[in-house]
PDB file of N, CA and C in Angstrom:
ATOM      1  N   MET A   1    -143.233 164.587 145.238  1.00  0.00           N
ATOM      2  CA  MET A   1    -143.249 163.684 144.014  1.00  0.00           C
ATOM      3  C   MET A   1    -142.653 162.350 144.120  1.00  0.00           C
ATOM      4  N   LYS A   2    -143.755 161.436 143.838  1.00  0.00           N
ATOM      5  CA  LYS A   2    -143.038 159.922 143.988  1.00  0.00           C
ATOM      6  C   LYS A   2    -142.358 159.117 142.723  1.00  0.00           C
ATOM      7  N   LEU A   3    -141.909 158.245 143.408  1.00  0.00           N
ATOM      8  CA  LEU A   3    -141.537 157.474 143.003  1.00  0.00           C
ATOM      9  C   LEU A   3    -141.582 155.820 142.597  1.00  0.00           C
ATOM     10  N   LYS A   4    -141.354 155.507 141.389  1.00  0.00           N
ATOM     11  CA  LYS A   4    -141.984 154.359 141.086  1.00  0.00           C
ATOM     12  C   LYS A   4    -140.381 152.700 141.313  1.00  0.00           C
ATOM     13  N   LEU A   5    -140.729 153.093 141.963  1.00  0.00           N
ATOM     14  CA  LEU A   5    -138.646 151.854 141.569  1.00  0.00           C
ATOM     15  C   LEU A   5    -139.681 150.412 141.134  1.00  0.00           C
ATOM     16  N   GLN A   6    -138.768 149.653 140.464  1.00  0.00           N
ATOM     17  CA  GLN A   6    -139.732 148.454 139.804  1.00  0.00           C
ATOM     18  C   GLN A   6    -137.511 148.073 140.407  1.00  0.00           C
ATOM     19  N   ARG A   7    -138.085 146.724 140.763  1.00  0.00           N
ATOM     20  CA  ARG A   7    -137.202 145.535 140.556  1.00  0.00           C
ATOM     21  C   ARG A   7    -137.113 144.251 138.702  1.00  0.00           C
ATOM     22  N   ILE A   8    -136.547 144.744 138.225  1.00  0.00           N
ATOM     23  CA  ILE A   8    -135.918 143.605 136.968  1.00  0.00           C
ATOM     24  C   ILE A   8    -136.189 142.112 138.389  1.00  0.00           C
ATOM     25  N   THR A   9    -137.161 141.369 137.646  1.00  0.00           N
ATOM     26  CA  THR A   9    -136.711 139.901 138.854  1.00  0.00           C
ATOM     27  C   THR A   9    -136.732 138.792 137.937  1.00  0.00           C
ATOM     28  N   GLN A  10    -136.681 137.796 137.894  1.00  0.00           N
ATOM     29  CA  GLN A  10    -135.075 136.482 137.602  1.00  0.00           C
ATOM     30  C   GLN A  10    -136.162 136.050 136.004  1.00  0.00           C
ATOM     31  N   THR A  11    -137.797 136.566 136.289  1.00  0.00           N
ATOM     32  CA  THR A  11    -138.281 135.660 135.265  1.00  0.00           C
ATOM     33  C   THR A  11    -138.311 136.544 133.604  1.00  0.00           C
ATOM     34  N   GLU A  12    -137.265 138.153 133.931  1.00  0.00           N
ATOM     35  CA  GLU A  12    -138.050 139.223 132.666  1.00  0.00           C
ATOM     36  C   GLU A  12    -136.498 139.226 132.739  1.00  0.00           C
ATOM     37  N   GLN A  13    -136.267 139.280 130.919  1.00  0.00           N
ATOM     38  CA  GLN A  13    -135.994 139.744 130.039  1.00  0.00           C
ATOM     39  C   GLN A  13    -135.312 140.842 129.934  1.00  0.00           C
ATOM     40  N   ILE A  14    -133.308 141.127 130.341  1.00  0.00           N
ATOM     41  CA  ILE A  14    -132.321 142.357 129.535  1.00  0.00           C
ATOM     42  C   ILE A  14    -132.558 142.001 128.338  1.00  0.00           C
ATOM     43  N   PRO A  15    -132.575 143.373 127.857  1.00  0.00           N
ATOM     44  CA  PRO A  15    -132.961 143.479 126.750  1.00  0.00           C
ATOM     45  C   PRO A  15    -131.635 143.050 125.498  1.00  0.00           C
ATOM     46  N   ALA A  16    -131.479 142.241 124.721  1.00  0.00           N
ATOM     47  CA  ALA A  16    -130.933 141.513 124.037  1.00  0.00           C
ATOM     48  C   ALA A  16    -129.865 143.325 123.685  1.00  0.00           C
ATOM     49  N   ASP A  17    -129.689 144.314 123.231  1.00  0.00           N
ATOM     50  CA  ASP A  17    -128.887 145.429 123.214  1.00  0.00           C
ATOM     51  C   ASP A  17    -128.342 146.044 124.536  1.00  0.00           C
ATOM     52  N   SER A  18    -128.377 144.599 125.119  1.00  0.00           N
ATOM     53  CA  SER A  18    -128.053 144.828 127.018  1.00  0.00           C
ATOM     54  C   SER A  18    -126.524 144.571 127.411  1.00  0.00           C
ATOM     55  N   LEU A  19    -125.069 145.031 127.441  1.00  0.00           N
ATOM     56  CA  LEU A  19    -124.472 145.202 128.085  1.00  0.00           C
ATOM     57  C   LEU A  19    -123.321 144.367 129.771  1.00  0.00           C
ATOM     58  N   TYR A  20    -123.226 143.206 130.103  1.00  0.00           N
ATOM     59  CA  TYR A  20    -123.716 143.221 131.713  1.00  0.00           C
ATOM     60  C   TYR A  20    -122.130 143.236 131.820  1.00  0.00           C
ATOM     61  N   VAL A  21    -121.598 144.186 133.537  1.00  0.00           N
ATOM     62  CA  VAL A  21    -120.606 144.390 133.712  1.00  0.00           C
ATOM     63  C   VAL A  21    -120.224 144.152 134.806  1.00  0.00           C
ATOM     64  N   ALA A  22    -119.766 142.243 135.548  1.00  0.00           N
ATOM     65  CA  ALA A  22    -119.907 141.552 136.444  1.00  0.00           C
ATOM     66  C   ALA A  22    -119.081 142.509 137.951  1.00  0.00           C
ATOM     67  N   GLN A  23    -118.312 142.652 139.039  1.00  0.00           N
ATOM     68  CA  GLN A  23    -118.151 143.189 139.646  1.00  0.00           C
ATOM     69  C   GLN A  23    -117.315 143.085 139.385  1.00  0.00           C
ATOM     70  N   ASP A  24    -116.091 144.403 140.142  1.00  0.00           N
ATOM     71  CA  ASP A  24    -114.744 144.432 139.791  1.00  0.00           C
ATOM     72  C   ASP A  24    -114.024 144.387 137.471  1.00  0.00           C
ATOM     73  N   ASN A  25    -114.855 144.514 137.171  1.00  0.00           N
ATOM     74  CA  ASN A  25    -114.434 144.847 136.180  1.00  0.00           C
ATOM     75  C   ASN A  25    -114.792 146.243 135.098  1.00  0.00           C
ATOM     76  N   TYR A  26    -114.771 145.934 133.246  1.00  0.00           N
ATOM     77  CA  TYR A  26    -115.146 146.717 133.644  1.00  0.00           C
ATOM     78  C   TYR A  26    -114.883 147.088 131.570  1.00  0.00           C
ATOM     79  N   GLU A  27    -115.897 147.649 130.897  1.00  0.00           N
ATOM     80  CA  GLU A  27    -115.759 148.230 129.656  1.00  0.00           C
ATOM     81  C   GLU A  27    -116.179 149.119 128.992  1.00  0.00           C
ATOM     82  N   ILE A  28    -115.012 149.073 127.821  1.00  0.00           N
ATOM     83  CA  ILE A  28    -115.306 151.030 127.208  1.00  0.00           C
ATOM     84  C   ILE A  28    -116.076 150.090 125.503  1.00  0.00           C
ATOM     85  N   VAL A  29    -116.839 151.928 125.384  1.00  0.00           N
ATOM     86  CA  VAL A  29    -117.456 151.467 125.072  1.00  0.00           C
ATOM     87  C   VAL A  29    -116.730 152.951 123.004  1.00  0.00           C
ATOM     88  N   ASN A  30    -117.346 152.335 122.618  1.00  0.00           N
ATOM     89  CA  ASN A  30    -116.788 153.564 120.946  1.00  0.00           C
ATOM     90  C   ASN A  30    -117.769 153.974 120.721  1.00  0.00           C
ATOM     91  N   LEU A  31    -118.769 154.321 121.184  1.00  0.00           N
ATOM     92  CA  LEU A  31    -119.871 155.123 120.415  1.00  0.00           C
ATOM     93  C   LEU A  31    -120.335 154.861 118.685  1.00  0.00           C
ATOM     94  N   LYS A  32    -119.469 155.359 118.128  1.00  0.00           N
ATOM     95  CA  LYS A  32    -119.033 155.617 117.206  1.00  0.00           C
ATOM     96  C   LYS A  32    -118.895 154.370 116.373  1.00  0.00           C
ATOM     97  N   LYS A  33    -118.186 153.370 116.768  1.00  0.00           N
ATOM     98  CA  LYS A  33    -117.164 152.182 116.209  1.00  0.00           C
ATOM     99  C   LYS A  33    -118.268 150.548 116.777  1.00  0.00           C
ATOM    100  N   ASN A  34    -119.559 150.992 117.721  1.00  0.00           N
ATOM    101  CA  ASN A  34    -119.839 150.357 118.224  1.00  0.00           C
ATOM    102  C   ASN A  34    -120.740 148.704 117.065  1.00  0.00           C
ATOM    103  N   PRO A  35    -119.857 147.235 117.428  1.00  0.00           N
ATOM    104  CA  PRO A  35    -120.465 146.663 116.546  1.00  0.00           C
ATOM    105  C   PRO A  35    -121.710 145.279 117.408  1.00  0.00           C
ATOM    106  N   ASN A  36    -121.398 146.012 118.003  1.00  0.00           N
ATOM    107  CA  ASN A  36    -122.616 145.453 119.416  1.00  0.00           C
ATOM    108  C   ASN A  36    -123.627 145.718 119.328  1.00  0.00           C
ATOM    109  N   ASN A  37    -123.431 147.732 119.023  1.00  0.00           N
ATOM    110  CA  ASN A  37    -124.590 148.347 118.695  1.00  0.00           C
ATOM    111  C   ASN A  37    -125.252 147.710 120.554  1.00  0.00           C
ATOM    112  N   TRP A  38    -124.277 147.923 121.450  1.00  0.00           N
ATOM    113  CA  TRP A  38    -124.650 148.097 122.430  1.00  0.00           C
ATOM    114  C   TRP A  38    -125.809 149.879 122.545  1.00  0.00           C
ATOM    115  N   LYS A  39    -126.866 149.795 123.515  1.00  0.00           N
ATOM    116  CA  LYS A  39    -127.583 150.121 123.988  1.00  0.00           C
ATOM    117  C   LYS A  39    -127.861 151.021 125.597  1.00  0.00           C
ATOM    118  N   TYR A  40    -127.388 149.338 126.242  1.00  0.00           N
ATOM    119  CA  TYR A  40    -127.546 149.624 127.133  1.00  0.00           C
ATOM    120  C   TYR A  40    -125.930 149.254 128.084  1.00  0.00           C
ATOM    121  N   LEU A  41    -125.825 149.709 129.589  1.00  0.00           N
ATOM    122  CA  LEU A  41    -124.372 148.996 129.864  1.00  0.00           C
ATOM    123  C   LEU A  41    -125.021 148.738 131.046  1.00  0.00           C
ATOM    124  N   TYR A  42    -125.119 147.825 132.605  1.00  0.00           N
ATOM    125  CA  TYR A  42    -125.573 147.728 133.079  1.00  0.00           C
ATOM    126  C   TYR A  42    -124.879 147.127 134.042  1.00  0.00           C
ATOM    127  N   CYS A  43    -124.966 146.944 135.790  1.00  0.00           N
ATOM    128  CA  CYS A  43    -124.413 146.593 136.686  1.00  0.00           C
ATOM    129  C   CYS A  43    -125.258 146.066 137.298  1.00  0.00           C
ATOM    130  N   ASP A  44    -124.423 145.002 137.833  1.00  0.00           N
ATOM    131  CA  ASP A  44    -125.724 144.257 139.952  1.00  0.00           C
ATOM    132  C   ASP A  44    -125.335 145.659 140.907  1.00  0.00           C
ATOM    133  N   SER A  45    -127.544 145.337 141.422  1.00  0.00           N
ATOM    134  CA  SER A  45    -126.438 146.108 142.099  1.00  0.00           C
ATOM    135  C   SER A  45    -125.699 146.089 143.097  1.00  0.00           C
ATOM    136  N   ALA A  46    -124.996 147.797 144.059  1.00  0.00           N
ATOM    137  CA  ALA A  46    -123.743 147.790 144.043  1.00  0.00           C
ATOM    138  C   ALA A  46    -124.020 148.681 145.596  1.00  0.00           C
ATOM    139  N   THR A  47    -124.534 147.159 147.047  1.00  0.00           N
ATOM    140  CA  THR A  47    -124.584 147.359 148.283  1.00  0.00           C
ATOM    141  C   THR A  47    -122.682 147.762 149.250  1.00  0.00           C
ATOM    142  N   SER A  48    -122.093 147.396 148.485  1.00  0.00           N
ATOM    143  CA  SER A  48    -120.761 147.155 148.892  1.00  0.00           C
ATOM    144  C   SER A  48    -119.913 147.759 148.064  1.00  0.00           C
ATOM    145  N   CYS A  49    -120.025 148.331 146.856  1.00  0.00           N
ATOM    146  CA  CYS A  49    -118.748 148.062 145.854  1.00  0.00           C
ATOM    147  C   CYS A  49    -119.677 149.647 145.302  1.00  0.00           C
ATOM    148  N   ILE A  50    -118.970 150.477 144.246  1.00  0.00           N
ATOM    149  CA  ILE A  50    -118.675 151.266 143.473  1.00  0.00           C
ATOM    150  C   ILE A  50    -118.991 151.536 142.047  1.00  0.00           C
ATOM    151  N   ILE A  51    -119.690 151.665 141.515  1.00  0.00           N
ATOM    152  CA  ILE A  51    -120.081 151.769 139.781  1.00  0.00           C
ATOM    153  C   ILE A  51    -119.972 153.089 139.466  1.00  0.00           C
ATOM    154  N   VAL A  52    -119.021 153.160 139.008  1.00  0.00           N
ATOM    155  CA  VAL A  52    -118.431 154.168 137.866  1.00  0.00           C
ATOM    156  C   VAL A  52    -119.013 154.711 136.463  1.00  0.00           C
ATOM    157  N   ILE A  53    -118.893 155.847 135.781  1.00  0.00           N
ATOM    158  CA  ILE A  53    -119.206 156.150 134.691  1.00  0.00           C
ATOM    159  C   ILE A  53    -118.551 157.317 134.044  1.00  0.00           C
ATOM    160  N   VAL A  54    -118.503 157.043 132.925  1.00  0.00           N
ATOM    161  CA  VAL A  54    -117.017 157.866 132.616  1.00  0.00           C
ATOM    162  C   VAL A  54    -117.176 157.691 131.073  1.00  0.00           C
ATOM    163  N   THR A  55    -117.894 158.900 130.848  1.00  0.00           N
ATOM    164  CA  THR A  55    -118.121 159.463 129.399  1.00  0.00           C
ATOM    165  C   THR A  55    -116.588 159.766 129.241  1.00  0.00           C
ATOM    166  N   GLY A  56    -116.397 160.596 127.481  1.00  0.00           N
ATOM    167  CA  GLY A  56    -115.634 161.712 127.251  1.00  0.00           C
ATOM    168  C   GLY A  56    -114.909 160.629 126.068  1.00  0.00           C
ATOM    169  N   THR A  57    -113.520 161.514 125.739  1.00  0.00           N
ATOM    170  CA  THR A  57    -113.480 160.714 123.875  1.00  0.00           C
ATOM    171  C   THR A  57    -112.730 160.441 124.082  1.00  0.00           C
ATOM    172  N   ASN A  58    -112.284 159.133 122.607  1.00  0.00           N
ATOM    173  CA  ASN A  58    -111.164 158.499 122.483  1.00  0.00           C
ATOM    174  C   ASN A  58    -109.121 159.697 122.122  1.00  0.00           C
ATOM    175  N   LEU A  59    -108.022 158.808 121.645  1.00  0.00           N
ATOM    176  CA  LEU A  59    -107.148 159.780 121.358  1.00  0.00           C
ATOM    177  C   LEU A  59    -108.421 159.984 119.404  1.00  0.00           C
ATOM    178  N   ARG A  60    -109.085 159.776 119.812  1.00  0.00           N
ATOM    179  CA  ARG A  60    -109.183 159.845 117.537  1.00  0.00           C
ATOM    180  C   ARG A  60    -110.475 160.652 117.775  1.00  0.00           C
ATOM    181  N   ALA A  61    -110.224 161.326 118.995  1.00  0.00           N
ATOM    182  CA  ALA A  61    -112.180 162.092 119.462  1.00  0.00           C
ATOM    183  C   ALA A  61    -113.195 161.814 118.754  1.00  0.00           C
ATOM    184  N   GLU A  62    -113.504 160.697 119.310  1.00  0.00           N
ATOM    185  CA  GLU A  62    -114.142 159.383 118.953  1.00  0.00           C
ATOM    186  C   GLU A  62    -114.892 159.901 120.287  1.00  0.00           C
ATOM    187  N   PRO A  63    -116.719 159.806 120.205  1.00  0.00           N
ATOM    188  CA  PRO A  63    -117.105 159.575 121.648  1.00  0.00           C
ATOM    189  C   PRO A  63    -117.618 158.144 122.408  1.00  0.00           C
ATOM    190  N   GLN A  64    -116.869 158.092 123.482  1.00  0.00           N
ATOM    191  CA  GLN A  64    -117.195 156.732 124.030  1.00  0.00           C
ATOM    192  C   GLN A  64    -117.270 156.587 125.408  1.00  0.00           C
ATOM    193  N   VAL A  65    -118.098 155.422 126.050  1.00  0.00           N
ATOM    194  CA  VAL A  65    -118.529 155.180 127.782  1.00  0.00           C
ATOM    195  C   VAL A  65    -117.775 154.075 128.187  1.00  0.00           C
ATOM    196  N   ALA A  66    -117.098 153.939 129.697  1.00  0.00           N
ATOM    197  CA  ALA A  66    -117.025 153.598 130.372  1.00  0.00           C
ATOM    198  C   ALA A  66    -117.408 153.401 131.569  1.00  0.00           C
ATOM    199  N   ILE A  67    -118.024 151.711 131.781  1.00  0.00           N
ATOM    200  CA  ILE A  67    -118.841 151.164 132.622  1.00  0.00           C
ATOM    201  C   ILE A  67    -117.289 150.891 133.730  1.00  0.00           C
ATOM    202  N   THR A  68    -117.791 150.637 135.461  1.00  0.00           N
ATOM    203  CA  THR A  68    -117.261 149.539 135.594  1.00  0.00           C
ATOM    204  C   THR A  68    -118.048 149.643 137.639  1.00  0.00           C
ATOM    205  N   HIS A  69    -117.705 148.807 138.260  1.00  0.00           N
ATOM    206  CA  HIS A  69    -118.594 147.998 139.036  1.00  0.00           C
ATOM    207  C   HIS A  69    -117.455 147.574 140.198  1.00  0.00           C
ATOM    208  N   LEU A  70    -116.925 149.084 140.891  1.00  0.00           N
ATOM    209  CA  LEU A  70    -115.577 147.917 141.920  1.00  0.00           C
ATOM    210  C   LEU A  70    -115.834 147.438 143.445  1.00  0.00           C
ATOM    211  N   SER A  71    -114.491 146.352 143.568  1.00  0.00           N
ATOM    212  CA  SER A  71    -115.327 146.529 145.558  1.00  0.00           C
ATOM    213  C   SER A  71    -113.248 146.863 146.184  1.00  0.00           C
ATOM    214  N   ARG A  72    -112.292 147.589 145.318  1.00  0.00           N
ATOM    215  CA  ARG A  72    -111.569 147.480 146.708  1.00  0.00           C
ATOM    216  C   ARG A  72    -110.121 148.647 144.891  1.00  0.00           C
ATOM    217  N   PRO A  73    -110.213 149.290 146.649  1.00  0.00           N
ATOM    218  CA  PRO A  73    -108.941 150.543 146.620  1.00  0.00           C
ATOM    219  C   PRO A  73    -108.180 150.593 144.892  1.00  0.00           C
ATOM    220  N   GLU A  74    -107.434 149.066 145.218  1.00  0.00           N
ATOM    221  CA  GLU A  74    -106.305 149.157 144.241  1.00  0.00           C
ATOM    222  C   GLU A  74    -107.784 148.716 142.936  1.00  0.00           C
ATOM    223  N   ARG A  75    -108.294 147.693 142.440  1.00  0.00           N
ATOM    224  CA  ARG A  75    -109.330 148.020 141.929  1.00  0.00           C
ATOM    225  C   ARG A  75    -109.874 149.392 141.022  1.00  0.00           C
ATOM    226  N   PHE A  76    -109.718 150.935 141.672  1.00  0.00           N
ATOM    227  CA  PHE A  76    -109.345 152.064 141.669  1.00  0.00           C
ATOM    228  C   PHE A  76    -108.677 152.477 140.859  1.00  0.00           C
ATOM    229  N   ALA A  77    -108.035 152.115 140.979  1.00  0.00           N
ATOM    230  CA  ALA A  77    -106.332 152.888 140.736  1.00  0.00           C
ATOM    231  C   ALA A  77    -105.913 152.410 139.472  1.00  0.00           C
ATOM    232  N   LYS A  78    -106.226 151.243 139.413  1.00  0.00           N
ATOM    233  CA  LYS A  78    -105.934 150.269 137.512  1.00  0.00           C
ATOM    234  C   LYS A  78    -106.920 150.240 136.222  1.00  0.00           C
ATOM    235  N   PHE A  79    -108.077 151.065 137.322  1.00  0.00           N
ATOM    236  CA  PHE A  79    -109.090 151.423 136.843  1.00  0.00           C
ATOM    237  C   PHE A  79    -108.956 152.705 135.621  1.00  0.00           C
ATOM    238  N   TRP A  80    -108.650 154.042 136.992  1.00  0.00           N
ATOM    239  CA  TRP A  80    -108.907 155.299 136.731  1.00  0.00           C
ATOM    240  C   TRP A  80    -107.353 155.279 135.307  1.00  0.00           C
ATOM    241  N   GLU A  81    -105.854 154.510 136.021  1.00  0.00           N
ATOM    242  CA  GLU A  81    -105.258 154.359 134.960  1.00  0.00           C
ATOM    243  C   GLU A  81    -105.555 153.994 133.384  1.00  0.00           C
ATOM    244  N   ILE A  82    -106.453 152.897 133.577  1.00  0.00           N
ATOM    245  CA  ILE A  82    -107.206 152.235 132.128  1.00  0.00           C
ATOM    246  C   ILE A  82    -107.750 154.004 130.905  1.00  0.00           C
ATOM    247  N   ILE A  83    -108.014 154.389 132.557  1.00  0.00           N
ATOM    248  CA  ILE A  83    -108.916 155.663 131.494  1.00  0.00           C
ATOM    249  C   ILE A  83    -108.216 156.698 130.926  1.00  0.00           C
ATOM    250  N   ARG A  84    -107.194 156.751 132.408  1.00  0.00           N
ATOM    251  CA  ARG A  84    -106.498 157.750 130.504  1.00  0.00           C
ATOM    252  C   ARG A  84    -105.817 157.504 129.588  1.00  0.00           C
ATOM    253  N   THR A  85    -105.441 156.683 129.786  1.00  0.00           N
ATOM    254  CA  THR A  85    -104.488 155.873 129.178  1.00  0.00           C
ATOM    255  C   THR A  85    -105.555 155.680 127.160  1.00  0.00           C
ATOM    256  N   GLU A  86    -106.693 154.743 127.600  1.00  0.00           N
ATOM    257  CA  GLU A  86    -107.893 155.405 126.769  1.00  0.00           C
ATOM    258  C   GLU A  86    -108.937 156.373 126.472  1.00  0.00           C
ATOM    259  N   PHE A  87    -108.717 157.743 126.954  1.00  0.00           N
ATOM    260  CA  PHE A  87    -109.945 158.471 126.357  1.00  0.00           C
ATOM    261  C   PHE A  87    -108.133 159.950 126.772  1.00  0.00           C
ATOM    262  N   GLY A  88    -109.343 160.579 125.038  1.00  0.00           N
ATOM    263  CA  GLY A  88    -107.445 161.225 125.196  1.00  0.00           C
ATOM    264  C   GLY A  88    -107.736 162.662 125.154  1.00  0.00           C
ATOM    265  N   GLY A  89    -109.498 163.538 126.617  1.00  0.00           N
ATOM    266  CA  GLY A  89    -109.472 164.628 127.611  1.00  0.00           C
ATOM    267  C   GLY A  89    -109.151 164.718 128.174  1.00  0.00           C
ATOM    268  N   ARG A  90    -109.162 164.740 129.267  1.00  0.00           N
ATOM    269  CA  ARG A  90    -109.434 165.275 131.082  1.00  0.00           C
ATOM    270  C   ARG A  90    -110.351 164.234 131.899  1.00  0.00           C
ATOM    271  N   PRO A  91    -109.936 163.398 131.625  1.00  0.00           N
ATOM    272  CA  PRO A  91    -111.298 162.644 132.669  1.00  0.00           C
ATOM    273  C   PRO A  91    -111.352 163.054 134.352  1.00  0.00           C
ATOM    274  N   PHE A  92    -112.558 163.045 134.844  1.00  0.00           N
ATOM    275  CA  PHE A  92    -112.050 163.236 136.462  1.00  0.00           C
ATOM    276  C   PHE A  92    -111.989 162.679 136.523  1.00  0.00           C
ATOM    277  N   VAL A  93    -110.662 162.894 137.534  1.00  0.00           N
ATOM    278  CA  VAL A  93    -109.490 161.865 138.660  1.00  0.00           C
ATOM    279  C   VAL A  93    -109.759 161.746 139.531  1.00  0.00           C
ATOM    280  N   PRO A  94    -110.522 161.378 141.076  1.00  0.00           N
ATOM    281  CA  PRO A  94    -109.960 161.934 142.211  1.00  0.00           C
ATOM    282  C   PRO A  94    -109.144 161.689 142.510  1.00  0.00           C
ATOM    283  N   SER A  95    -108.805 162.453 143.267  1.00  0.00           N
ATOM    284  CA  SER A  95    -106.666 162.461 143.876  1.00  0.00           C
ATOM    285  C   SER A  95    -106.704 162.074 145.017  1.00  0.00           C
ATOM    286  N   SER A  96    -107.336 161.115 145.328  1.00  0.00           N
ATOM    287  CA  SER A  96    -106.327 159.767 146.242  1.00  0.00           C
ATOM    288  C   SER A  96    -106.450 158.002 144.850  1.00  0.00           C
ATOM    289  N   CYS A  97    -106.581 158.250 143.995  1.00  0.00           N
ATOM    290  CA  CYS A  97    -106.619 157.415 142.931  1.00  0.00           C
ATOM    291  C   CYS A  97    -105.740 157.713 142.223  1.00  0.00           C
ATOM    292  N   THR A  98    -105.420 158.939 142.829  1.00  0.00           N
ATOM    293  CA  THR A  98    -103.360 159.559 141.859  1.00  0.00           C
ATOM    294  C   THR A  98    -101.966 159.041 141.863  1.00  0.00           C
TER     295      THR A  98
END
């Protein structure tokens, strides 16, 4: 199997229906109520950070997705706290973050 990896150069445009999430930030998109019609959520490459994507439903059983780009343990703890509040199901939460 061959992989053809491509990088987006600075001269190429990111699609208008994309939402960029900067380091140590997060975004939650309700897939049923998406006024900006985001189709793509993306972050920079994470050489020393972790990018986490969570899918599930909110308390009204509407599908949603969260993305974050984290660099510090305390930010992980805060992100999982937000996920516990914003997602109605039981998202996977690593035991080291509880």
